[in-house]
Amino acid sequence: MPAELPGPEVRPDLDRRARIGLDEAILCAHKTTAQLATIVDGARDGRLLLTRLDPALLATLSAAHRASIDFDPLSGTGVVGPVNAPVGPAAVAVVTAGTSDVGVAREAVRTLAYHGEAAREIHDVGVAGLWRVLEHVEALRNLAVTIVVAGMDAALPSVVGGLVPGLVIAVPTSTGYGIARGGETALHAALASCAPGLVVTNIDNGYGAACAALRALGATRRTINLR
């Protein structure tokens, strides 16, 4: 039977790693201090990934709980337990169109790092200055997965998807004015992309993009091991 924590409000999926190879991440938004403290106390193997952790909620935890969490305010992520540097060369790149997209990108990077995957970060290479991303194309062509984080018109994922052979995952962000509509325009642009095989996550979902990358890498490595 799956392990359970006490209380009807808190039932983390502690056996998810055994089923799919990925730990459950805890979405902290809208959780109470007591709920989050219970979840942190019940972390299997003393490790846990927290997403959308607001500094105001973090501040309400006990000193002991706060000390146990490695918090990154830019991405709103926290890691309970040891934060180990990924080993080996990066198989994933995380690319942003603009500096305003870095928080979402860093959520992806932190999720990858939690699972032991290194990422190459390339920032502020949007298509308004197309030469910037072209400088990195050869490096990107050698990586298995490229996560492209972009708001406004989200043109960058289509450009990258037309230049590199690996899996390209688009993360539309809520960056932009007016008609950008909190990322809806970027999402629609990515979904309507003519770049074949482009994978698209929900708005601002760096965590989801990282999980898609981890699944793809895991599938590839399992196939290699079976040969």
Protein backbone atom coordinates (compact mmCIF):
# COMPACT_ATOMS: atom_id res chain seq x y z
CA MET A 1 0.00 0.00 0.00
CA PRO A 2 1.25 3.55 -0.70
CA ALA A 3 2.65 5.31 2.33
CA GLU A 4 0.38 8.01 3.76
CA LEU A 5 0.74 11.02 6.02
CA PRO A 6 -1.83 11.75 8.73
CA GLY A 7 -4.70 14.10 8.01
CA PRO A 8 -7.34 14.13 5.24
CA GLU A 9 -5.95 17.28 3.58
CA VAL A 10 -2.44 15.98 2.96
CA ARG A 11 -1.80 12.78 1.02
CA PRO A 12 1.42 13.11 -1.01
CA ASP A 13 2.11 10.53 -3.69
CA LEU A 14 5.23 9.12 -2.08
CA ASP A 15 5.51 6.21 -4.51
CA ARG A 16 5.39 8.22 -7.72
CA ARG A 17 9.11 7.80 -8.39
CA ALA A 18 8.72 4.02 -8.34
CA ARG A 19 5.93 4.23 -10.92
CA ILE A 20 7.12 6.88 -13.36
CA GLY A 21 10.68 7.78 -12.35
CA LEU A 22 9.80 11.27 -11.09
CA ASP A 23 9.12 12.44 -7.55
CA GLU A 24 5.94 14.37 -6.87
CA ALA A 25 6.57 18.11 -6.71
CA ILE A 26 4.56 20.05 -4.16
CA LEU A 27 2.62 23.02 -5.54
CA CYS A 28 2.75 25.42 -2.59
CA ALA A 29 0.28 28.00 -3.88
CA HIS A 30 -2.90 28.14 -1.76
CA LYS A 31 -1.51 25.80 0.90
CA THR A 32 -1.58 26.70 4.56
CA THR A 33 1.47 26.84 6.79
CA ALA A 34 0.32 23.71 8.63
CA GLN A 35 -0.25 21.79 5.40
CA LEU A 36 3.17 22.67 4.02
CA ALA A 37 4.90 21.87 7.31
CA THR A 38 3.24 18.44 7.39
CA ILE A 39 4.35 17.75 3.82
CA VAL A 40 7.94 18.80 4.53
CA ASP A 41 8.06 16.62 7.64
CA GLY A 42 6.87 13.62 5.63
CA ALA A 43 9.35 13.92 2.75
CA ARG A 44 10.49 10.48 1.67
CA ASP A 45 14.27 10.07 1.87
CA GLY A 46 14.37 13.61 3.26
CA ARG A 47 14.08 15.14 -0.24
CA LEU A 48 11.31 17.18 -1.78
CA LEU A 49 10.79 19.67 -4.61
CA LEU A 50 8.53 22.65 -3.88
CA THR A 51 7.13 24.88 -6.62
CA ARG A 52 5.32 28.23 -6.55
CA LEU A 53 6.61 28.85 -3.04
CA ASP A 54 5.84 32.43 -2.07
CA PRO A 55 8.34 34.15 0.28
CA ALA A 56 5.43 35.23 2.48
CA LEU A 57 4.38 31.59 3.01
CA LEU A 58 7.98 30.52 3.55
CA ALA A 59 8.32 33.17 6.26
CA THR A 60 5.45 31.63 8.24
CA LEU A 61 7.21 28.29 8.62
CA SER A 62 9.26 27.47 11.70
CA ALA A 63 12.95 28.30 11.74
CA ALA A 64 13.76 24.60 11.48
CA HIS A 65 11.57 24.16 8.42
CA ARG A 66 12.99 27.28 6.74
CA ALA A 67 16.52 26.04 7.37
CA SER A 68 15.70 22.74 5.67
CA ILE A 69 14.60 24.44 2.41
CA ASP A 70 16.99 25.71 -0.26
CA PHE A 71 14.86 28.54 -1.65
CA ASP A 72 15.34 30.29 -4.98
CA PRO A 73 13.18 33.45 -5.03
CA LEU A 74 13.56 33.99 -8.79
CA SER A 75 11.89 30.69 -9.68
CA GLY A 76 9.81 30.33 -6.53
CA THR A 77 11.19 26.83 -6.01
CA GLY A 78 12.49 25.18 -2.87
CA VAL A 79 14.41 21.97 -2.38
CA VAL A 80 14.21 20.07 0.88
CA GLY A 81 17.29 17.99 1.58
CA PRO A 82 20.67 17.94 -0.11
CA VAL A 83 21.13 20.03 -3.25
CA ASN A 84 23.64 18.09 -5.31
CA ALA A 85 25.24 19.50 -8.43
CA PRO A 86 24.27 17.42 -11.50
CA VAL A 87 27.02 15.16 -12.77
CA GLY A 88 28.14 14.98 -16.40
CA PRO A 89 27.61 17.12 -19.49
CA ALA A 90 24.23 18.72 -20.09
CA ALA A 91 21.76 16.93 -22.35
CA VAL A 92 19.22 19.75 -22.03
CA ALA A 93 19.33 23.45 -22.90
CA VAL A 94 16.97 25.99 -21.37
CA VAL A 95 16.67 29.05 -23.62
CA THR A 96 14.80 32.28 -22.95
CA ALA A 97 13.58 34.92 -25.37
CA GLY A 98 14.04 37.69 -22.80
CA THR A 99 15.35 38.35 -19.33
CA SER A 100 11.73 38.65 -18.11
CA ASP A 101 11.31 34.93 -18.88
CA VAL A 102 14.20 33.80 -16.68
CA GLY A 103 12.07 33.02 -13.61
CA VAL A 104 10.04 30.42 -15.53
CA ALA A 105 13.21 29.07 -17.12
CA ARG A 106 14.89 28.74 -13.73
CA GLU A 107 11.91 26.67 -12.50
CA ALA A 108 12.77 24.22 -15.29
CA VAL A 109 16.48 24.29 -14.46
CA ARG A 110 15.86 23.69 -10.77
CA THR A 111 13.50 20.80 -11.54
CA LEU A 112 16.09 19.21 -13.81
CA ALA A 113 18.81 19.69 -11.21
CA TYR A 114 16.65 18.11 -8.50
CA HIS A 115 16.50 14.99 -10.68
CA GLY A 116 20.25 15.05 -11.38
CA GLU A 117 20.15 16.54 -14.89
CA ALA A 118 22.46 19.37 -15.84
CA ALA A 119 21.13 22.13 -18.07
CA ARG A 120 22.83 24.64 -20.29
CA GLU A 121 21.20 28.04 -19.79
CA ILE A 122 21.05 30.52 -22.69
CA HIS A 123 19.21 33.75 -21.96
CA ASP A 124 17.88 36.83 -23.76
CA VAL A 125 18.12 35.55 -27.34
CA GLY A 126 14.68 36.54 -28.67
CA VAL A 127 13.96 36.96 -32.36
CA ALA A 128 13.96 40.77 -32.23
CA GLY A 129 17.73 40.26 -32.46
CA LEU A 130 17.82 37.00 -34.40
CA TRP A 131 21.63 36.89 -34.51
CA ARG A 132 21.65 36.18 -30.77
CA VAL A 133 20.08 32.74 -31.01
CA LEU A 134 21.95 31.92 -34.23
CA GLU A 135 25.19 32.19 -32.26
CA HIS A 136 24.10 29.14 -30.23
CA VAL A 137 22.60 26.91 -32.91
CA GLU A 138 25.58 24.57 -33.27
CA ALA A 139 25.67 23.96 -29.52
CA LEU A 140 21.91 23.35 -29.41
CA ARG A 141 22.11 20.88 -32.29
CA ASN A 142 24.23 18.59 -30.10
CA LEU A 143 21.74 18.41 -27.23
CA ALA A 144 18.88 15.94 -26.87
CA VAL A 145 16.31 18.46 -25.61
CA THR A 146 15.89 22.22 -25.86
CA ILE A 147 13.34 23.98 -23.66
CA VAL A 148 12.44 27.38 -25.13
CA VAL A 149 10.78 29.88 -22.80
CA ALA A 150 9.12 32.87 -24.49
CA GLY A 151 6.30 35.34 -24.02
CA MET A 152 4.79 38.08 -26.21
CA ASP A 153 4.48 36.49 -29.70
CA ALA A 154 6.47 33.38 -28.68
CA ALA A 155 8.22 33.23 -32.04
CA LEU A 156 11.45 31.82 -30.63
CA PRO A 157 10.27 28.20 -30.15
CA SER A 158 9.30 27.98 -33.83
CA VAL A 159 12.66 29.39 -34.90
CA VAL A 160 14.58 26.93 -32.72
CA GLY A 161 12.29 24.10 -33.81
CA GLY A 162 13.27 24.76 -37.40
CA LEU A 163 17.00 24.70 -36.68
CA VAL A 164 17.76 21.80 -34.32
CA PRO A 165 17.03 18.05 -34.58
CA GLY A 166 16.38 17.31 -30.90
CA LEU A 167 13.12 17.55 -28.98
CA VAL A 168 12.00 21.18 -28.60
CA ILE A 169 9.64 22.04 -25.76
CA ALA A 170 7.97 25.44 -25.86
CA VAL A 171 7.00 27.18 -22.63
CA PRO A 172 4.79 30.22 -23.33
CA THR A 173 5.05 32.83 -20.60
CA SER A 174 2.79 35.59 -19.32
CA THR A 175 5.37 38.21 -20.34
CA GLY A 176 3.97 40.99 -22.54
CA TYR A 177 1.55 43.89 -22.86
CA GLY A 178 -2.14 44.18 -23.70
CA ILE A 179 -3.05 41.66 -26.38
CA ALA A 180 -0.47 39.25 -24.96
CA ARG A 181 -3.31 38.47 -22.51
CA GLY A 182 -1.22 36.96 -19.75
CA GLY A 183 0.43 34.46 -22.05
CA GLU A 184 -2.60 33.32 -24.04
CA THR A 185 -1.24 34.80 -27.27
CA ALA A 186 2.11 33.09 -26.71
CA LEU A 187 0.34 29.80 -26.01
CA HIS A 188 -1.76 30.03 -29.17
CA ALA A 189 1.28 30.96 -31.25
CA ALA A 190 3.23 27.96 -29.95
CA LEU A 191 0.30 25.61 -30.54
CA ALA A 192 -0.08 26.95 -34.09
CA SER A 193 3.63 26.63 -34.87
CA CYS A 194 4.65 25.25 -38.24
CA ALA A 195 7.80 23.71 -36.70
CA PRO A 196 7.06 19.96 -36.85
CA GLY A 197 7.05 18.05 -33.59
CA LEU A 198 7.13 21.09 -31.30
CA VAL A 199 5.84 20.18 -27.83
CA VAL A 200 4.00 22.89 -25.87
CA THR A 201 3.35 23.21 -22.13
CA ASN A 202 0.87 25.41 -20.33
CA ILE A 203 1.62 29.08 -19.61
CA ASP A 204 4.57 29.66 -17.25
CA ASN A 205 4.95 25.91 -16.67
CA GLY A 206 8.70 25.49 -16.45
CA TYR A 207 8.20 22.56 -14.13
CA GLY A 208 6.08 20.72 -16.69
CA ALA A 209 8.64 21.34 -19.43
CA ALA A 210 11.40 19.89 -17.27
CA CYS A 211 9.31 16.81 -16.54
CA ALA A 212 8.67 16.32 -20.26
CA ALA A 213 12.42 16.55 -20.87
CA LEU A 214 13.12 14.04 -18.09
CA ARG A 215 10.60 11.59 -19.52
CA ALA A 216 12.15 11.90 -22.98
CA LEU A 217 15.68 11.40 -21.67
CA GLY A 218 14.56 8.46 -19.55
CA ALA A 219 12.87 6.78 -22.50
CA THR A 220 15.95 7.26 -24.69
CA ARG A 221 18.30 5.87 -22.05
CA ARG A 222 16.09 2.86 -21.39
CA THR A 223 16.02 2.10 -25.13
CA ILE A 224 19.81 2.29 -25.32
CA ASN A 225 20.17 -0.06 -22.33
CA LEU A 226 17.80 -2.60 -23.91
CA ARG A 227 19.86 -2.88 -27.09
